[in-house]
Amino acid sequence: MKWEAIEKQYKDLWVFVEVMQMNEDYEVLEGNVVFSDTNEKRFWKRVKHFQPGAHKDFAAQYMGEPPEDWAGML
């Protein structure tokens, strides 16, 4: 699934994606959604316990506008 379609279909959800294609800047272009959740704590608990197959890349991201109380790192 193209990244733009994932953003639209999973708006305002946390998504865990198996990366199928990325560009030279390591931005995901296509992927398969493994799971999604509305609850951040529950989402990260699932990520922590996820057992991926060998040689696969995954990405985790919130598909919405971050709340004002979120802090970011550069």
C-alpha atoms as a PDB file:
ATOM      1  CA  MET A   1       0.000   0.000   0.000  1.00  0.00           C
ATOM      2  CA  LYS A   2       1.359   3.435  -0.855  1.00  0.00           C
ATOM      3  CA  TRP A   3       2.266   5.605   2.152  1.00  0.00           C
ATOM      4  CA  GLU A   4      -0.269   8.272   1.153  1.00  0.00           C
ATOM      5  CA  ALA A   5      -3.049   5.642   1.226  1.00  0.00           C
ATOM      6  CA  ILE A   6      -1.919   4.446   4.676  1.00  0.00           C
ATOM      7  CA  GLU A   7      -2.030   8.043   5.940  1.00  0.00           C
ATOM      8  CA  LYS A   8      -5.606   8.466   4.672  1.00  0.00           C
ATOM      9  CA  GLN A   9      -6.970   5.079   5.736  1.00  0.00           C
ATOM     10  CA  TYR A  10      -5.377   5.112   9.205  1.00  0.00           C
ATOM     11  CA  LYS A  11      -5.854   8.815  10.030  1.00  0.00           C
ATOM     12  CA  ASP A  12      -5.458   9.561  13.750  1.00  0.00           C
ATOM     13  CA  LEU A  13      -4.233   6.020  14.521  1.00  0.00           C
ATOM     14  CA  TRP A  14      -0.904   4.549  15.544  1.00  0.00           C
ATOM     15  CA  VAL A  15       0.342   2.212  12.807  1.00  0.00           C
ATOM     16  CA  PHE A  16       3.033  -0.460  12.688  1.00  0.00           C
ATOM     17  CA  VAL A  17       4.083  -1.098   9.107  1.00  0.00           C
ATOM     18  CA  GLU A  18       6.258  -3.674   7.378  1.00  0.00           C
ATOM     19  CA  VAL A  19       8.302  -1.523   5.000  1.00  0.00           C
ATOM     20  CA  MET A  20       8.175  -2.672   1.382  1.00  0.00           C
ATOM     21  CA  GLN A  21       9.906   0.326  -0.221  1.00  0.00           C
ATOM     22  CA  MET A  22      11.721   3.425   1.045  1.00  0.00           C
ATOM     23  CA  ASN A  23      13.657   6.219  -0.622  1.00  0.00           C
ATOM     24  CA  GLU A  24      17.295   7.216  -0.176  1.00  0.00           C
ATOM     25  CA  ASP A  25      16.311   9.384   2.823  1.00  0.00           C
ATOM     26  CA  TYR A  26      14.768   6.310   4.518  1.00  0.00           C
ATOM     27  CA  GLU A  27      11.231   7.640   4.147  1.00  0.00           C
ATOM     28  CA  VAL A  28       8.650   4.889   3.721  1.00  0.00           C
ATOM     29  CA  LEU A  29       7.060   4.891   0.259  1.00  0.00           C
ATOM     30  CA  GLU A  30       5.112   1.618   0.488  1.00  0.00           C
ATOM     31  CA  GLY A  31       4.284  -0.843   3.230  1.00  0.00           C
ATOM     32  CA  ASN A  32       1.890  -3.360   4.722  1.00  0.00           C
ATOM     33  CA  VAL A  33       0.106  -2.378   7.924  1.00  0.00           C
ATOM     34  CA  VAL A  34       0.741  -5.099  10.513  1.00  0.00           C
ATOM     35  CA  PHE A  35      -1.510  -3.532  13.144  1.00  0.00           C
ATOM     36  CA  SER A  36      -2.950  -0.203  14.231  1.00  0.00           C
ATOM     37  CA  ASP A  37      -4.417   1.191  17.445  1.00  0.00           C
ATOM     38  CA  THR A  38      -6.027   4.319  18.833  1.00  0.00           C
ATOM     39  CA  ASN A  39      -4.311   3.901  22.211  1.00  0.00           C
ATOM     40  CA  GLU A  40      -0.612   4.851  22.339  1.00  0.00           C
ATOM     41  CA  LYS A  41       0.322   2.781  25.409  1.00  0.00           C
ATOM     42  CA  ARG A  42      -1.390  -0.332  24.089  1.00  0.00           C
ATOM     43  CA  PHE A  43       0.232   0.215  20.672  1.00  0.00           C
ATOM     44  CA  TRP A  44       3.785   0.401  22.061  1.00  0.00           C
ATOM     45  CA  LYS A  45       3.152  -2.664  24.208  1.00  0.00           C
ATOM     46  CA  ARG A  46       2.220  -4.594  21.054  1.00  0.00           C
ATOM     47  CA  VAL A  47       5.327  -3.258  19.264  1.00  0.00           C
ATOM     48  CA  LYS A  48       7.510  -4.355  22.182  1.00  0.00           C
ATOM     49  CA  HIS A  49       6.171  -7.916  22.028  1.00  0.00           C
ATOM     50  CA  PHE A  50       6.110  -8.191  18.232  1.00  0.00           C
ATOM     51  CA  GLN A  51       8.338 -10.937  16.832  1.00  0.00           C
ATOM     52  CA  PRO A  52       9.302  -9.978  13.256  1.00  0.00           C
ATOM     53  CA  GLY A  53      10.599 -12.369  10.659  1.00  0.00           C
ATOM     54  CA  ALA A  54      14.252 -12.128   9.718  1.00  0.00           C
ATOM     55  CA  HIS A  55      15.519  -9.411   7.381  1.00  0.00           C
ATOM     56  CA  LYS A  56      12.435  -7.195   7.454  1.00  0.00           C
ATOM     57  CA  ASP A  57      12.178  -3.476   8.127  1.00  0.00           C
ATOM     58  CA  PHE A  58       9.353  -1.951  10.144  1.00  0.00           C
ATOM     59  CA  ALA A  59       8.139   1.561  10.900  1.00  0.00           C
ATOM     60  CA  ALA A  60       5.897   2.893  13.662  1.00  0.00           C
ATOM     61  CA  GLN A  61       4.130   6.222  13.390  1.00  0.00           C
ATOM     62  CA  TYR A  62       1.120   8.219  14.517  1.00  0.00           C
ATOM     63  CA  MET A  63      -0.995   9.205  11.500  1.00  0.00           C
ATOM     64  CA  GLY A  64      -2.345  12.514  12.668  1.00  0.00           C
ATOM     65  CA  GLU A  65      -1.451  15.881  14.068  1.00  0.00           C
ATOM     66  CA  PRO A  66       0.542  15.522  17.282  1.00  0.00           C
ATOM     67  CA  PRO A  67      -1.143  16.904  20.413  1.00  0.00           C
ATOM     68  CA  GLU A  68       0.278  20.143  21.798  1.00  0.00           C
ATOM     69  CA  ASP A  69       1.737  18.386  24.861  1.00  0.00           C
ATOM     70  CA  TRP A  70       3.943  16.053  22.781  1.00  0.00           C
ATOM     71  CA  ALA A  71       7.671  16.645  22.838  1.00  0.00           C
ATOM     72  CA  GLY A  72       9.862  15.933  19.831  1.00  0.00           C
ATOM     73  CA  MET A  73      13.491  15.066  19.348  1.00  0.00           C
ATOM     74  CA  LEU A  74      15.745  16.184  16.533  1.00  0.00           C
END
